[in-house]
Amino acid sequence: MTDATADTAVDTRPTKIMYVAEATAHGGRNGYVTSQDGEIQLKVAMPPELGGDGSGTNPEQLFAAGYSSCFHNALILVGNRAGFDLTGSTVAAKVGIGPNRHRGYGLAVALSVSLPVLDREIAERLVDAAHEVCPYSNATRGNIDVTILLG
């Protein structure tokens, strides 16, 4: 439905910082992460697919959690502004990682949006509007493939 790589470049930098989150990694992908306020204290571990034991969360899971919750909030915002109640809606994110052409690694995201109470045309309009509003969508636009599936 929507592909971030096809979007045109728009300046999406904030004009005012309203909140700053702070987290610290200790030990990279096989260590732990903490947030400045103590709300996050997680063991991180490489998933088995990347050679680890999978005994903790990983950056891709954390990115999926952040993107799905942020996109869902953007969807609720644009839905409410348009006069729609999005109770029962969900957004699931899949974040893939793999080698890129430049000796490093890249990410790809698939967002699955469920808007069970809306007809498809309205749902598509709201999803497109949320993709323009969501800070994660704005940060990733043109940098990684983001596919949005409406189900």
C-alpha atoms as a PDB file:
ATOM      1  CA  MET A   1       0.000   0.000   0.000  1.00  0.00           C
ATOM      2  CA  THR A   2       2.621   2.556   1.049  1.00  0.00           C
ATOM      3  CA  ASP A   3       6.333   2.389   0.338  1.00  0.00           C
ATOM      4  CA  ALA A   4       8.568   4.959   2.040  1.00  0.00           C
ATOM      5  CA  THR A   5      11.206   4.739  -0.674  1.00  0.00           C
ATOM      6  CA  ALA A   6       8.763   6.182  -3.211  1.00  0.00           C
ATOM      7  CA  ASP A   7       8.020   9.298  -1.146  1.00  0.00           C
ATOM      8  CA  THR A   8       9.577  12.638  -1.994  1.00  0.00           C
ATOM      9  CA  ALA A   9      12.040  14.287   0.369  1.00  0.00           C
ATOM     10  CA  VAL A  10      10.404  16.601   2.881  1.00  0.00           C
ATOM     11  CA  ASP A  11      12.091  18.271   5.833  1.00  0.00           C
ATOM     12  CA  THR A  12      10.631  16.443   8.834  1.00  0.00           C
ATOM     13  CA  ARG A  13      13.074  17.676  11.467  1.00  0.00           C
ATOM     14  CA  PRO A  14      11.433  18.992  14.642  1.00  0.00           C
ATOM     15  CA  THR A  15      11.231  22.741  15.097  1.00  0.00           C
ATOM     16  CA  LYS A  16      11.085  22.307  18.875  1.00  0.00           C
ATOM     17  CA  ILE A  17      12.188  19.359  21.040  1.00  0.00           C
ATOM     18  CA  MET A  18       9.362  18.546  23.470  1.00  0.00           C
ATOM     19  CA  TYR A  19      10.755  15.358  25.041  1.00  0.00           C
ATOM     20  CA  VAL A  20      14.073  13.515  25.050  1.00  0.00           C
ATOM     21  CA  ALA A  21      14.371   9.792  25.747  1.00  0.00           C
ATOM     22  CA  GLU A  22      17.695   8.471  26.942  1.00  0.00           C
ATOM     23  CA  ALA A  23      18.920   4.890  26.940  1.00  0.00           C
ATOM     24  CA  THR A  24      22.331   3.304  27.349  1.00  0.00           C
ATOM     25  CA  ALA A  25      23.624   0.043  25.909  1.00  0.00           C
ATOM     26  CA  HIS A  26      26.100  -2.016  27.898  1.00  0.00           C
ATOM     27  CA  GLY A  27      27.775  -4.793  25.902  1.00  0.00           C
ATOM     28  CA  GLY A  28      26.201  -4.196  22.496  1.00  0.00           C
ATOM     29  CA  ARG A  29      23.929  -6.975  21.186  1.00  0.00           C
ATOM     30  CA  ASN A  30      24.980  -9.312  24.028  1.00  0.00           C
ATOM     31  CA  GLY A  31      24.537  -7.205  27.128  1.00  0.00           C
ATOM     32  CA  TYR A  32      21.759  -5.053  28.503  1.00  0.00           C
ATOM     33  CA  VAL A  33      20.033  -1.732  27.926  1.00  0.00           C
ATOM     34  CA  THR A  34      18.751   0.726  30.483  1.00  0.00           C
ATOM     35  CA  SER A  35      16.774   3.926  30.289  1.00  0.00           C
ATOM     36  CA  GLN A  36      17.723   7.025  32.223  1.00  0.00           C
ATOM     37  CA  ASP A  37      14.499   6.849  34.255  1.00  0.00           C
ATOM     38  CA  GLY A  38      14.931   3.144  35.084  1.00  0.00           C
ATOM     39  CA  GLU A  39      11.751   2.058  33.261  1.00  0.00           C
ATOM     40  CA  ILE A  40      13.771  -0.044  30.825  1.00  0.00           C
ATOM     41  CA  GLN A  41      16.212  -2.624  32.153  1.00  0.00           C
ATOM     42  CA  LEU A  42      16.453  -5.347  29.554  1.00  0.00           C
ATOM     43  CA  LYS A  43      18.882  -8.103  28.713  1.00  0.00           C
ATOM     44  CA  VAL A  44      19.749  -8.062  25.017  1.00  0.00           C
ATOM     45  CA  ALA A  45      21.025 -11.036  23.069  1.00  0.00           C
ATOM     46  CA  MET A  46      21.644 -11.940  19.463  1.00  0.00           C
ATOM     47  CA  PRO A  47      18.767 -13.951  18.007  1.00  0.00           C
ATOM     48  CA  PRO A  48      19.602 -17.529  16.977  1.00  0.00           C
ATOM     49  CA  GLU A  49      19.225 -16.522  13.302  1.00  0.00           C
ATOM     50  CA  LEU A  50      22.220 -14.206  13.757  1.00  0.00           C
ATOM     51  CA  GLY A  51      24.310 -16.683  15.733  1.00  0.00           C
ATOM     52  CA  GLY A  52      23.178 -15.891  19.267  1.00  0.00           C
ATOM     53  CA  ASP A  53      21.308 -17.826  21.902  1.00  0.00           C
ATOM     54  CA  GLY A  54      18.204 -15.611  21.859  1.00  0.00           C
ATOM     55  CA  SER A  55      18.180 -15.316  25.651  1.00  0.00           C
ATOM     56  CA  GLY A  56      17.070 -11.667  25.624  1.00  0.00           C
ATOM     57  CA  THR A  57      15.356  -9.069  23.521  1.00  0.00           C
ATOM     58  CA  ASN A  58      17.145  -7.499  20.582  1.00  0.00           C
ATOM     59  CA  PRO A  59      17.271  -4.102  18.856  1.00  0.00           C
ATOM     60  CA  GLU A  60      14.935  -5.240  16.074  1.00  0.00           C
ATOM     61  CA  GLN A  61      12.237  -6.234  18.577  1.00  0.00           C
ATOM     62  CA  LEU A  62      12.629  -2.915  20.355  1.00  0.00           C
ATOM     63  CA  PHE A  63      12.414  -1.040  17.043  1.00  0.00           C
ATOM     64  CA  ALA A  64       9.293  -3.042  16.098  1.00  0.00           C
ATOM     65  CA  ALA A  65       7.694  -2.201  19.448  1.00  0.00           C
ATOM     66  CA  GLY A  66       8.533   1.475  19.096  1.00  0.00           C
ATOM     67  CA  TYR A  67       7.429   1.790  15.475  1.00  0.00           C
ATOM     68  CA  SER A  68       4.158  -0.118  15.962  1.00  0.00           C
ATOM     69  CA  SER A  69       3.132   1.895  19.023  1.00  0.00           C
ATOM     70  CA  CYS A  70       4.149   5.208  17.459  1.00  0.00           C
ATOM     71  CA  PHE A  71       2.385   4.459  14.161  1.00  0.00           C
ATOM     72  CA  HIS A  72      -0.726   3.275  16.002  1.00  0.00           C
ATOM     73  CA  ASN A  73      -0.804   6.509  17.984  1.00  0.00           C
ATOM     74  CA  ALA A  74      -0.452   8.532  14.756  1.00  0.00           C
ATOM     75  CA  LEU A  75      -3.310   6.502  13.280  1.00  0.00           C
ATOM     76  CA  ILE A  76      -5.518   7.172  16.312  1.00  0.00           C
ATOM     77  CA  LEU A  77      -4.636  10.879  16.114  1.00  0.00           C
ATOM     78  CA  VAL A  78      -5.561  11.274  12.440  1.00  0.00           C
ATOM     79  CA  GLY A  79      -8.618   9.070  12.916  1.00  0.00           C
ATOM     80  CA  ASN A  80      -9.888  11.157  15.820  1.00  0.00           C
ATOM     81  CA  ARG A  81      -9.233  14.364  13.892  1.00  0.00           C
ATOM     82  CA  ALA A  82     -11.356  12.962  11.051  1.00  0.00           C
ATOM     83  CA  GLY A  83     -14.124  11.989  13.478  1.00  0.00           C
ATOM     84  CA  PHE A  84     -13.533   8.230  13.597  1.00  0.00           C
ATOM     85  CA  ASP A  85     -13.338   6.022  16.676  1.00  0.00           C
ATOM     86  CA  LEU A  86     -10.510   3.534  16.121  1.00  0.00           C
ATOM     87  CA  THR A  87     -11.312   1.315  19.096  1.00  0.00           C
ATOM     88  CA  GLY A  88     -10.218  -2.209  18.244  1.00  0.00           C
ATOM     89  CA  SER A  89      -7.583  -1.118  15.750  1.00  0.00           C
ATOM     90  CA  THR A  90      -4.063  -2.561  15.935  1.00  0.00           C
ATOM     91  CA  VAL A  91      -0.679  -2.095  14.314  1.00  0.00           C
ATOM     92  CA  ALA A  92       1.884  -4.902  14.231  1.00  0.00           C
ATOM     93  CA  ALA A  93       5.445  -4.366  13.029  1.00  0.00           C
ATOM     94  CA  LYS A  94       7.933  -6.817  11.608  1.00  0.00           C
ATOM     95  CA  VAL A  95      11.522  -5.587  11.433  1.00  0.00           C
ATOM     96  CA  GLY A  96      13.941  -7.566   9.317  1.00  0.00           C
ATOM     97  CA  ILE A  97      17.715  -7.252   9.304  1.00  0.00           C
ATOM     98  CA  GLY A  98      20.180  -8.442   6.720  1.00  0.00           C
ATOM     99  CA  PRO A  99      23.348  -7.559   4.843  1.00  0.00           C
ATOM    100  CA  ASN A 100      23.265  -4.614   2.477  1.00  0.00           C
ATOM    101  CA  ARG A 101      25.394  -3.817  -0.572  1.00  0.00           C
ATOM    102  CA  HIS A 102      27.854  -1.691   1.389  1.00  0.00           C
ATOM    103  CA  ARG A 103      29.441  -4.285   3.725  1.00  0.00           C
ATOM    104  CA  GLY A 104      27.014  -3.416   6.499  1.00  0.00           C
ATOM    105  CA  TYR A 105      23.499  -4.316   7.495  1.00  0.00           C
ATOM    106  CA  GLY A 106      20.149  -2.797   6.708  1.00  0.00           C
ATOM    107  CA  LEU A 107      16.595  -2.978   7.993  1.00  0.00           C
ATOM    108  CA  ALA A 108      13.228  -3.473   6.367  1.00  0.00           C
ATOM    109  CA  VAL A 109       9.864  -2.911   8.055  1.00  0.00           C
ATOM    110  CA  ALA A 110       6.406  -4.301   7.390  1.00  0.00           C
ATOM    111  CA  LEU A 111       3.525  -2.705   9.286  1.00  0.00           C
ATOM    112  CA  SER A 112       0.240  -4.637   9.421  1.00  0.00           C
ATOM    113  CA  VAL A 113      -2.692  -2.368  10.218  1.00  0.00           C
ATOM    114  CA  SER A 114      -6.092  -3.632  11.285  1.00  0.00           C
ATOM    115  CA  LEU A 115      -9.020  -1.198  11.188  1.00  0.00           C
ATOM    116  CA  PRO A 116     -11.963  -3.613  11.476  1.00  0.00           C
ATOM    117  CA  VAL A 117     -14.743  -1.032  11.830  1.00  0.00           C
ATOM    118  CA  LEU A 118     -13.879   1.127   8.790  1.00  0.00           C
ATOM    119  CA  ASP A 119     -14.431   0.562   5.104  1.00  0.00           C
ATOM    120  CA  ARG A 120     -11.286   0.081   3.053  1.00  0.00           C
ATOM    121  CA  GLU A 121     -11.237   3.495   1.350  1.00  0.00           C
ATOM    122  CA  ILE A 122     -11.442   5.407   4.625  1.00  0.00           C
ATOM    123  CA  ALA A 123      -8.933   3.062   6.249  1.00  0.00           C
ATOM    124  CA  GLU A 124      -6.447   3.627   3.412  1.00  0.00           C
ATOM    125  CA  ARG A 125      -6.796   7.413   3.729  1.00  0.00           C
ATOM    126  CA  LEU A 126      -6.170   7.258   7.479  1.00  0.00           C
ATOM    127  CA  VAL A 127      -3.167   4.935   7.081  1.00  0.00           C
ATOM    128  CA  ASP A 128      -1.630   7.250   4.478  1.00  0.00           C
ATOM    129  CA  ALA A 129      -2.210  10.258   6.742  1.00  0.00           C
ATOM    130  CA  ALA A 130      -0.692   8.428   9.727  1.00  0.00           C
ATOM    131  CA  HIS A 131       2.368   7.569   7.623  1.00  0.00           C
ATOM    132  CA  GLU A 132       2.892  11.302   7.042  1.00  0.00           C
ATOM    133  CA  VAL A 133       2.476  12.178  10.746  1.00  0.00           C
ATOM    134  CA  CYS A 134       4.345   9.330  12.475  1.00  0.00           C
ATOM    135  CA  PRO A 135       7.861  10.310  13.625  1.00  0.00           C
ATOM    136  CA  TYR A 136       9.177   6.797  12.903  1.00  0.00           C
ATOM    137  CA  SER A 137       7.794   6.946   9.358  1.00  0.00           C
ATOM    138  CA  ASN A 138       9.378  10.350   8.901  1.00  0.00           C
ATOM    139  CA  ALA A 139      12.723   9.128  10.278  1.00  0.00           C
ATOM    140  CA  THR A 140      12.828   6.041   8.063  1.00  0.00           C
ATOM    141  CA  ARG A 141      11.380   7.540   4.864  1.00  0.00           C
ATOM    142  CA  GLY A 142      13.857   7.086   2.040  1.00  0.00           C
ATOM    143  CA  ASN A 143      16.286   5.176   4.286  1.00  0.00           C
ATOM    144  CA  ILE A 144      14.702   1.757   4.608  1.00  0.00           C
ATOM    145  CA  ASP A 145      11.884  -0.098   2.918  1.00  0.00           C
ATOM    146  CA  VAL A 146       8.629   0.306   4.842  1.00  0.00           C
ATOM    147  CA  THR A 147       5.640  -1.630   3.577  1.00  0.00           C
ATOM    148  CA  ILE A 148       2.214  -1.033   5.066  1.00  0.00           C
ATOM    149  CA  LEU A 149      -0.366  -3.782   4.760  1.00  0.00           C
ATOM    150  CA  LEU A 150      -4.000  -3.075   5.532  1.00  0.00           C
ATOM    151  CA  GLY A 151      -5.898  -6.140   6.657  1.00  0.00           C
END
